[in-house]
Amino acid sequence: HYALALKIYGQFTSPIRRLGDYLNHVFLDHYYFNKKVKNIDELEETLEEICADINHSEIIAESAEKMCLELEMSKYMQEHLNKQFKARIISMDHKGIKIMTENNIMGYIDLDEFYRTNKLETNYFGRIGDEILVTAYWIDRLRNRVFFNFNTKKHLFYHTFV
């Protein structure tokens, strides 16, 4: 965006949605329209502190929202253990696979646990976006995480050789 190179730049949306957007409206009103502030530099130090507080508050709010969602998902899944679900892979790393079921439940497949319990020495070569069949088998109530397993070994090997 060309305006980012300017010394003074602000962008905002609806002032109702976020405090940062609201402050843009307030500062614009004070500086430009009502001339309550003669020098924009007067606002700079205050603005940096306010922005740091806003950022910190948004991080806390997002974390709280995530924790609430995980809690409600784990409560719901308590009644659906040992049931089969269609799911999509949304991320992967060397420890496991993060999935989202078709009814929007976030869950995990612990690959170390899967290979250990099924005595397999192969690797999973699925891709993000792949649809898989999973079974909910355990809920970690301390972290409110739902753990799933591949539905069958056959499904695992199908992805291993694709």
N, C-alpha and C. Protein backbone atom coordinates (compact mmCIF):
# COMPACT_ATOMS: atom_id res chain seq x y z
N HIS A 1 0.86 -1.17 0.00
CA HIS A 1 0.00 0.00 0.00
C HIS A 1 0.90 1.22 0.00
N TYR A 2 0.69 2.14 -0.93
CA TYR A 2 1.58 3.29 -1.08
C TYR A 2 1.63 4.18 0.16
N ALA A 3 0.56 4.26 0.91
CA ALA A 3 0.50 5.16 2.06
C ALA A 3 1.38 4.72 3.22
N LEU A 4 1.81 3.48 3.23
CA LEU A 4 2.67 3.01 4.32
C LEU A 4 4.01 3.75 4.34
N ALA A 5 4.42 4.32 3.22
CA ALA A 5 5.68 5.06 3.16
C ALA A 5 5.54 6.48 3.72
N LEU A 6 4.34 6.92 3.98
CA LEU A 6 4.13 8.25 4.53
C LEU A 6 4.54 8.31 6.00
N LYS A 7 4.94 9.49 6.46
CA LYS A 7 5.32 9.65 7.86
C LYS A 7 4.11 9.46 8.78
N ILE A 8 2.98 9.96 8.37
CA ILE A 8 1.76 9.84 9.15
C ILE A 8 0.76 9.05 8.31
N TYR A 9 0.30 7.95 8.88
CA TYR A 9 -0.61 7.08 8.14
C TYR A 9 -1.54 6.40 9.12
N GLY A 10 -2.78 6.31 8.78
CA GLY A 10 -3.73 5.58 9.60
C GLY A 10 -4.76 4.91 8.73
N GLN A 11 -5.18 3.76 9.17
CA GLN A 11 -6.21 3.02 8.44
C GLN A 11 -7.19 2.48 9.46
N PHE A 12 -8.46 2.56 9.17
CA PHE A 12 -9.43 2.06 10.12
C PHE A 12 -10.70 1.64 9.42
N THR A 13 -11.46 0.85 10.14
CA THR A 13 -12.75 0.40 9.64
C THR A 13 -13.82 0.98 10.55
N SER A 14 -14.81 0.24 10.84
CA SER A 14 -15.89 0.70 11.69
C SER A 14 -15.37 0.95 13.11
N PRO A 15 -15.66 2.11 13.69
CA PRO A 15 -15.17 2.38 15.05
C PRO A 15 -15.86 1.54 16.11
N ILE A 16 -16.92 0.87 15.75
CA ILE A 16 -17.64 0.05 16.71
C ILE A 16 -16.91 -1.26 16.97
N ARG A 17 -16.20 -1.77 15.96
CA ARG A 17 -15.63 -3.11 16.04
C ARG A 17 -14.42 -3.22 16.96
N ARG A 18 -13.50 -2.27 16.87
CA ARG A 18 -12.25 -2.42 17.62
C ARG A 18 -11.83 -1.10 18.25
N LEU A 19 -11.17 -1.18 19.38
CA LEU A 19 -10.72 0.02 20.07
C LEU A 19 -9.71 0.80 19.23
N GLY A 20 -8.82 0.08 18.54
CA GLY A 20 -7.83 0.76 17.70
C GLY A 20 -8.48 1.60 16.62
N ASP A 21 -9.53 1.08 16.01
CA ASP A 21 -10.26 1.84 14.98
C ASP A 21 -10.95 3.05 15.60
N TYR A 22 -11.50 2.85 16.78
CA TYR A 22 -12.16 3.96 17.48
C TYR A 22 -11.16 5.07 17.79
N LEU A 23 -9.96 4.69 18.23
CA LEU A 23 -8.95 5.69 18.55
C LEU A 23 -8.51 6.47 17.32
N ASN A 24 -8.47 5.82 16.18
CA ASN A 24 -8.17 6.55 14.94
C ASN A 24 -9.19 7.65 14.71
N HIS A 25 -10.45 7.35 14.95
CA HIS A 25 -11.50 8.36 14.80
C HIS A 25 -11.31 9.50 15.80
N VAL A 26 -11.00 9.15 17.05
CA VAL A 26 -10.83 10.17 18.08
C VAL A 26 -9.64 11.07 17.76
N PHE A 27 -8.50 10.47 17.39
CA PHE A 27 -7.31 11.27 17.09
C PHE A 27 -7.52 12.14 15.84
N LEU A 28 -8.20 11.58 14.85
CA LEU A 28 -8.50 12.36 13.65
C LEU A 28 -9.38 13.55 14.01
N ASP A 29 -10.36 13.30 14.86
CA ASP A 29 -11.26 14.38 15.30
C ASP A 29 -10.49 15.44 16.08
N HIS A 30 -9.63 15.03 17.01
CA HIS A 30 -8.88 15.98 17.84
C HIS A 30 -7.85 16.77 17.03
N TYR A 31 -7.18 16.11 16.13
CA TYR A 31 -6.08 16.76 15.41
C TYR A 31 -6.55 17.52 14.18
N TYR A 32 -7.39 16.89 13.40
CA TYR A 32 -7.73 17.47 12.10
C TYR A 32 -8.96 18.36 12.15
N PHE A 33 -10.02 17.88 12.76
CA PHE A 33 -11.27 18.62 12.69
C PHE A 33 -11.41 19.69 13.78
N ASN A 34 -11.09 19.36 15.02
CA ASN A 34 -11.32 20.30 16.13
C ASN A 34 -10.09 21.04 16.59
N LYS A 35 -8.93 20.68 16.05
CA LYS A 35 -7.66 21.36 16.34
C LYS A 35 -7.37 21.40 17.84
N LYS A 36 -7.76 20.36 18.59
CA LYS A 36 -7.47 20.30 20.02
C LYS A 36 -6.01 19.95 20.27
N VAL A 37 -5.38 19.33 19.30
CA VAL A 37 -3.97 18.98 19.40
C VAL A 37 -3.24 19.74 18.30
N LYS A 38 -2.24 20.53 18.69
CA LYS A 38 -1.52 21.36 17.71
C LYS A 38 -0.44 20.57 16.98
N ASN A 39 0.15 19.59 17.68
CA ASN A 39 1.26 18.84 17.09
C ASN A 39 0.97 17.35 17.24
N ILE A 40 1.03 16.64 16.15
CA ILE A 40 0.73 15.20 16.16
C ILE A 40 1.72 14.44 17.03
N ASP A 41 2.94 14.98 17.19
CA ASP A 41 3.94 14.31 18.02
C ASP A 41 3.50 14.20 19.48
N GLU A 42 2.59 15.09 19.91
CA GLU A 42 2.07 15.02 21.27
C GLU A 42 1.34 13.70 21.51
N LEU A 43 0.77 13.16 20.47
CA LEU A 43 0.00 11.93 20.59
C LEU A 43 0.86 10.67 20.47
N GLU A 44 2.05 10.80 19.93
CA GLU A 44 2.84 9.62 19.57
C GLU A 44 3.15 8.72 20.76
N GLU A 45 3.65 9.28 21.85
CA GLU A 45 4.00 8.46 23.01
C GLU A 45 2.76 7.79 23.61
N THR A 46 1.71 8.56 23.74
CA THR A 46 0.46 8.01 24.28
C THR A 46 -0.08 6.92 23.37
N LEU A 47 -0.02 7.15 22.08
CA LEU A 47 -0.54 6.19 21.12
C LEU A 47 0.22 4.87 21.18
N GLU A 48 1.55 4.92 21.33
CA GLU A 48 2.34 3.69 21.44
C GLU A 48 1.93 2.87 22.65
N GLU A 49 1.72 3.53 23.78
CA GLU A 49 1.28 2.83 24.99
C GLU A 49 -0.11 2.22 24.80
N ILE A 50 -1.00 3.00 24.22
CA ILE A 50 -2.37 2.52 24.01
C ILE A 50 -2.36 1.33 23.05
N CYS A 51 -1.59 1.41 21.98
CA CYS A 51 -1.52 0.31 21.01
C CYS A 51 -0.96 -0.96 21.66
N ALA A 52 0.05 -0.81 22.51
CA ALA A 52 0.60 -1.98 23.20
C ALA A 52 -0.46 -2.61 24.11
N ASP A 53 -1.23 -1.78 24.81
CA ASP A 53 -2.31 -2.29 25.66
C ASP A 53 -3.40 -2.99 24.84
N ILE A 54 -3.75 -2.38 23.72
CA ILE A 54 -4.78 -2.97 22.86
C ILE A 54 -4.31 -4.33 22.35
N ASN A 55 -3.07 -4.38 21.89
CA ASN A 55 -2.52 -5.63 21.36
C ASN A 55 -2.51 -6.72 22.44
N HIS A 56 -2.08 -6.36 23.64
CA HIS A 56 -2.06 -7.31 24.75
C HIS A 56 -3.47 -7.81 25.07
N SER A 57 -4.43 -6.89 25.09
CA SER A 57 -5.82 -7.27 25.38
C SER A 57 -6.40 -8.18 24.31
N GLU A 58 -6.07 -7.93 23.04
CA GLU A 58 -6.56 -8.79 21.96
C GLU A 58 -5.98 -10.19 22.05
N ILE A 59 -4.70 -10.28 22.42
CA ILE A 59 -4.08 -11.60 22.59
C ILE A 59 -4.76 -12.38 23.70
N ILE A 60 -5.05 -11.72 24.82
CA ILE A 60 -5.74 -12.36 25.94
C ILE A 60 -7.15 -12.79 25.52
N ALA A 61 -7.86 -11.93 24.80
CA ALA A 61 -9.22 -12.25 24.36
C ALA A 61 -9.23 -13.43 23.41
N GLU A 62 -8.29 -13.47 22.46
CA GLU A 62 -8.22 -14.60 21.53
C GLU A 62 -7.90 -15.90 22.26
N SER A 63 -7.01 -15.83 23.24
CA SER A 63 -6.66 -17.00 24.02
C SER A 63 -7.87 -17.50 24.82
N ALA A 64 -8.61 -16.58 25.41
CA ALA A 64 -9.80 -16.96 26.18
C ALA A 64 -10.86 -17.58 25.27
N GLU A 65 -11.03 -17.01 24.07
CA GLU A 65 -12.00 -17.56 23.13
C GLU A 65 -11.61 -18.98 22.73
N LYS A 66 -10.34 -19.18 22.46
CA LYS A 66 -9.84 -20.52 22.08
C LYS A 66 -10.07 -21.52 23.21
N MET A 67 -9.78 -21.11 24.44
CA MET A 67 -9.97 -22.00 25.58
C MET A 67 -11.45 -22.35 25.77
N CYS A 68 -12.33 -21.38 25.58
CA CYS A 68 -13.77 -21.65 25.71
C CYS A 68 -14.25 -22.62 24.64
N LEU A 69 -13.79 -22.42 23.41
CA LEU A 69 -14.17 -23.33 22.33
C LEU A 69 -13.68 -24.75 22.61
N GLU A 70 -12.43 -24.87 23.06
CA GLU A 70 -11.88 -26.19 23.37
C GLU A 70 -12.66 -26.86 24.50
N LEU A 71 -13.05 -26.10 25.51
CA LEU A 71 -13.83 -26.63 26.61
C LEU A 71 -15.18 -27.16 26.12
N GLU A 72 -15.88 -26.38 25.31
CA GLU A 72 -17.19 -26.80 24.82
C GLU A 72 -17.07 -27.99 23.87
N MET A 73 -16.04 -28.00 23.04
CA MET A 73 -15.83 -29.14 22.14
C MET A 73 -15.58 -30.42 22.94
N SER A 74 -14.76 -30.31 23.97
CA SER A 74 -14.46 -31.51 24.76
C SER A 74 -15.68 -31.99 25.53
N LYS A 75 -16.52 -31.07 26.02
CA LYS A 75 -17.77 -31.47 26.68
C LYS A 75 -18.68 -32.22 25.70
N TYR A 76 -18.82 -31.65 24.51
CA TYR A 76 -19.66 -32.26 23.49
C TYR A 76 -19.14 -33.65 23.11
N MET A 77 -17.84 -33.76 22.92
CA MET A 77 -17.26 -35.03 22.46
C MET A 77 -17.26 -36.10 23.54
N GLN A 78 -17.43 -35.73 24.79
CA GLN A 78 -17.49 -36.72 25.87
C GLN A 78 -18.59 -37.75 25.59
N GLU A 79 -19.66 -37.32 24.96
CA GLU A 79 -20.78 -38.22 24.64
C GLU A 79 -20.61 -38.90 23.28
N HIS A 80 -19.52 -38.61 22.58
CA HIS A 80 -19.33 -39.16 21.24
C HIS A 80 -18.03 -39.95 21.12
N LEU A 81 -17.50 -40.41 22.24
CA LEU A 81 -16.29 -41.23 22.19
C LEU A 81 -16.60 -42.54 21.49
N ASN A 82 -15.61 -43.08 20.81
CA ASN A 82 -15.70 -44.33 20.06
C ASN A 82 -16.63 -44.24 18.86
N LYS A 83 -16.94 -43.04 18.43
CA LYS A 83 -17.75 -42.85 17.23
C LYS A 83 -16.85 -42.42 16.07
N GLN A 84 -17.28 -42.78 14.87
CA GLN A 84 -16.52 -42.49 13.67
C GLN A 84 -16.93 -41.13 13.10
N PHE A 85 -15.95 -40.39 12.57
CA PHE A 85 -16.19 -39.08 11.97
C PHE A 85 -15.37 -38.94 10.70
N LYS A 86 -15.92 -38.20 9.74
CA LYS A 86 -15.13 -37.74 8.61
C LYS A 86 -14.43 -36.48 9.07
N ALA A 87 -13.17 -36.34 8.67
CA ALA A 87 -12.41 -35.16 9.09
C ALA A 87 -11.46 -34.74 7.98
N ARG A 88 -10.98 -33.52 8.09
CA ARG A 88 -9.97 -33.00 7.17
C ARG A 88 -8.71 -32.66 7.96
N ILE A 89 -7.58 -32.92 7.36
CA ILE A 89 -6.30 -32.55 7.96
C ILE A 89 -6.12 -31.05 7.80
N ILE A 90 -5.86 -30.36 8.92
CA ILE A 90 -5.64 -28.91 8.81
C ILE A 90 -4.20 -28.50 9.09
N SER A 91 -3.44 -29.36 9.79
CA SER A 91 -2.00 -29.12 9.94
C SER A 91 -1.34 -30.40 10.40
N MET A 92 -0.03 -30.45 10.21
CA MET A 92 0.73 -31.65 10.55
C MET A 92 2.12 -31.24 11.04
N ASP A 93 2.65 -32.04 11.95
CA ASP A 93 4.06 -31.92 12.29
C ASP A 93 4.56 -33.31 12.66
N HIS A 94 5.79 -33.41 13.15
CA HIS A 94 6.37 -34.72 13.42
C HIS A 94 5.69 -35.46 14.57
N LYS A 95 4.94 -34.76 15.41
CA LYS A 95 4.29 -35.41 16.55
C LYS A 95 2.87 -35.87 16.24
N GLY A 96 2.19 -35.15 15.35
CA GLY A 96 0.82 -35.52 15.11
C GLY A 96 0.13 -34.70 14.04
N ILE A 97 -1.15 -34.93 13.94
CA ILE A 97 -1.97 -34.31 12.91
C ILE A 97 -3.13 -33.58 13.59
N LYS A 98 -3.34 -32.34 13.21
CA LYS A 98 -4.48 -31.58 13.71
C LYS A 98 -5.59 -31.72 12.67
N ILE A 99 -6.79 -32.07 13.14
CA ILE A 99 -7.90 -32.31 12.23
C ILE A 99 -9.11 -31.47 12.62
N MET A 100 -10.05 -31.36 11.66
CA MET A 100 -11.33 -30.72 11.92
C MET A 100 -12.38 -31.68 11.37
N THR A 101 -13.27 -32.12 12.25
CA THR A 101 -14.32 -33.04 11.81
C THR A 101 -15.36 -32.28 11.00
N GLU A 102 -16.22 -33.04 10.33
CA GLU A 102 -17.24 -32.40 9.51
C GLU A 102 -18.26 -31.63 10.35
N ASN A 103 -18.31 -31.90 11.65
CA ASN A 103 -19.18 -31.11 12.52
C ASN A 103 -18.37 -30.07 13.31
N ASN A 104 -17.22 -29.68 12.76
CA ASN A 104 -16.37 -28.58 13.25
C ASN A 104 -15.76 -28.79 14.63
N ILE A 105 -15.44 -30.03 14.94
CA ILE A 105 -14.72 -30.32 16.18
C ILE A 105 -13.23 -30.41 15.85
N MET A 106 -12.44 -29.62 16.57
CA MET A 106 -11.00 -29.64 16.38
C MET A 106 -10.42 -30.78 17.19
N GLY A 107 -9.51 -31.53 16.61
CA GLY A 107 -8.92 -32.64 17.33
C GLY A 107 -7.52 -32.95 16.86
N TYR A 108 -6.92 -33.97 17.48
CA TYR A 108 -5.53 -34.32 17.22
C TYR A 108 -5.40 -35.82 17.06
N ILE A 109 -4.47 -36.20 16.21
CA ILE A 109 -4.07 -37.59 16.11
C ILE A 109 -2.62 -37.63 16.53
N ASP A 110 -2.35 -38.29 17.64
CA ASP A 110 -0.99 -38.42 18.16
C ASP A 110 -0.33 -39.58 17.42
N LEU A 111 0.57 -39.27 16.49
CA LEU A 111 1.18 -40.31 15.66
C LEU A 111 2.05 -41.26 16.47
N ASP A 112 2.79 -40.75 17.43
CA ASP A 112 3.62 -41.63 18.27
C ASP A 112 2.76 -42.68 18.96
N GLU A 113 1.65 -42.25 19.52
CA GLU A 113 0.73 -43.17 20.21
C GLU A 113 0.13 -44.17 19.23
N PHE A 114 -0.25 -43.70 18.05
CA PHE A 114 -0.85 -44.59 17.05
C PHE A 114 0.12 -45.68 16.63
N TYR A 115 1.35 -45.29 16.33
CA TYR A 115 2.33 -46.29 15.89
C TYR A 115 2.69 -47.25 17.02
N ARG A 116 2.76 -46.73 18.24
CA ARG A 116 3.10 -47.57 19.39
C ARG A 116 2.00 -48.61 19.67
N THR A 117 0.75 -48.18 19.67
CA THR A 117 -0.34 -49.10 19.99
C THR A 117 -0.62 -50.08 18.86
N ASN A 118 -0.32 -49.71 17.63
CA ASN A 118 -0.57 -50.60 16.49
C ASN A 118 0.70 -51.32 16.02
N LYS A 119 1.80 -51.11 16.75
CA LYS A 119 3.07 -51.74 16.45
C LYS A 119 3.46 -51.58 14.97
N LEU A 120 3.36 -50.34 14.50
CA LEU A 120 3.72 -50.02 13.12
C LEU A 120 5.02 -49.23 13.09
N GLU A 121 5.78 -49.42 12.04
CA GLU A 121 7.03 -48.67 11.88
C GLU A 121 7.04 -47.95 10.54
N THR A 122 5.96 -47.35 10.18
CA THR A 122 5.85 -46.64 8.92
C THR A 122 5.58 -45.17 9.21
N ASN A 123 5.56 -44.38 8.21
CA ASN A 123 5.25 -42.96 8.36
C ASN A 123 3.96 -42.63 7.64
N TYR A 124 3.28 -41.62 8.12
CA TYR A 124 2.05 -41.16 7.48
C TYR A 124 2.43 -40.08 6.47
N PHE A 125 1.99 -40.22 5.23
CA PHE A 125 2.31 -39.24 4.21
C PHE A 125 1.06 -38.58 3.65
N GLY A 126 0.14 -38.22 4.50
CA GLY A 126 -1.05 -37.50 4.06
C GLY A 126 -0.70 -36.06 3.78
N ARG A 127 -1.69 -35.31 3.31
CA ARG A 127 -1.49 -33.90 3.00
C ARG A 127 -2.56 -33.06 3.69
N ILE A 128 -2.24 -31.82 3.91
CA ILE A 128 -3.22 -30.88 4.45
C ILE A 128 -4.38 -30.81 3.47
N GLY A 129 -5.59 -30.92 3.98
CA GLY A 129 -6.79 -30.90 3.14
C GLY A 129 -7.34 -32.28 2.85
N ASP A 130 -6.53 -33.34 3.09
CA ASP A 130 -7.02 -34.70 2.86
C ASP A 130 -8.20 -35.00 3.78
N GLU A 131 -9.17 -35.74 3.26
CA GLU A 131 -10.28 -36.21 4.07
C GLU A 131 -9.93 -37.60 4.59
N ILE A 132 -10.13 -37.80 5.88
CA ILE A 132 -9.82 -39.09 6.51
C ILE A 132 -10.97 -39.50 7.41
N LEU A 133 -11.01 -40.79 7.74
CA LEU A 133 -11.97 -41.31 8.71
C LEU A 133 -11.25 -41.49 10.03
N VAL A 134 -11.86 -40.98 11.09
CA VAL A 134 -11.24 -41.04 12.41
C VAL A 134 -12.26 -41.49 13.44
N THR A 135 -11.75 -41.95 14.57
CA THR A 135 -12.58 -42.33 15.70
C THR A 135 -12.10 -41.56 16.92
N ALA A 136 -13.02 -40.92 17.62
CA ALA A 136 -12.68 -40.22 18.86
C ALA A 136 -12.44 -41.26 19.94
N TYR A 137 -11.29 -41.18 20.62
CA TYR A 137 -11.01 -42.20 21.63
C TYR A 137 -10.64 -41.65 23.00
N TRP A 138 -10.27 -40.39 23.12
CA TRP A 138 -9.84 -39.90 24.43
C TRP A 138 -9.95 -38.39 24.48
N ILE A 139 -10.31 -37.88 25.65
CA ILE A 139 -10.34 -36.43 25.86
C ILE A 139 -9.42 -36.11 27.02
N ASP A 140 -8.48 -35.23 26.76
CA ASP A 140 -7.58 -34.75 27.80
C ASP A 140 -8.31 -33.60 28.50
N ARG A 141 -8.92 -33.87 29.65
CA ARG A 141 -9.74 -32.88 30.35
C ARG A 141 -8.89 -31.75 30.94
N LEU A 142 -7.62 -31.99 31.16
CA LEU A 142 -6.75 -30.94 31.69
C LEU A 142 -6.51 -29.86 30.65
N ARG A 143 -6.31 -30.27 29.39
CA ARG A 143 -6.07 -29.32 28.30
C ARG A 143 -7.27 -29.15 27.39
N ASN A 144 -8.37 -29.88 27.66
CA ASN A 144 -9.58 -29.84 26.83
C ASN A 144 -9.27 -30.10 25.36
N ARG A 145 -8.53 -31.17 25.12
CA ARG A 145 -8.21 -31.58 23.77
C ARG A 145 -8.82 -32.94 23.48
N VAL A 146 -9.34 -33.05 22.26
CA VAL A 146 -9.96 -34.30 21.82
C VAL A 146 -8.96 -35.04 20.95
N PHE A 147 -8.73 -36.31 21.29
CA PHE A 147 -7.80 -37.12 20.52
C PHE A 147 -8.55 -38.15 19.70
N PHE A 148 -8.10 -38.30 18.48
CA PHE A 148 -8.71 -39.22 17.53
C PHE A 148 -7.66 -40.23 17.09
N ASN A 149 -8.13 -41.30 16.48
CA ASN A 149 -7.26 -42.29 15.86
C ASN A 149 -7.74 -42.51 14.44
N PHE A 150 -6.83 -42.94 13.57
CA PHE A 150 -7.25 -43.34 12.24
C PHE A 150 -8.25 -44.46 12.42
N ASN A 151 -9.23 -44.51 11.54
CA ASN A 151 -10.26 -45.53 11.68
C ASN A 151 -9.73 -46.93 11.43
N THR A 152 -8.86 -47.07 10.45
CA THR A 152 -8.30 -48.39 10.15
C THR A 152 -6.85 -48.25 9.75
N LYS A 153 -6.12 -49.35 9.89
CA LYS A 153 -4.74 -49.37 9.42
C LYS A 153 -4.71 -49.25 7.90
N LYS A 154 -5.73 -49.80 7.24
CA LYS A 154 -5.81 -49.76 5.78
C LYS A 154 -5.78 -48.30 5.30
N HIS A 155 -6.52 -47.44 5.98
CA HIS A 155 -6.55 -46.03 5.59
C HIS A 155 -5.16 -45.41 5.71
N LEU A 156 -4.46 -45.78 6.76
CA LEU A 156 -3.10 -45.27 6.95
C LEU A 156 -2.21 -45.68 5.81
N PHE A 157 -2.25 -46.95 5.40
CA PHE A 157 -1.37 -47.42 4.35
C PHE A 157 -1.76 -46.86 3.00
N TYR A 158 -3.05 -46.58 2.81
CA TYR A 158 -3.46 -45.96 1.55
C TYR A 158 -2.71 -44.63 1.38
N HIS A 159 -2.68 -43.84 2.44
CA HIS A 159 -2.00 -42.55 2.35
C HIS A 159 -0.48 -42.72 2.31
N THR A 160 0.03 -43.78 2.89
CA THR A 160 1.47 -43.97 2.92
C THR A 160 2.03 -44.14 1.49
N PHE A 161 1.29 -44.79 0.60
CA PHE A 161 1.82 -45.09 -0.71
C PHE A 161 1.33 -44.17 -1.81
N VAL A 162 0.50 -43.19 -1.48
CA VAL A 162 0.00 -42.27 -2.52
C VAL A 162 1.07 -41.27 -2.84
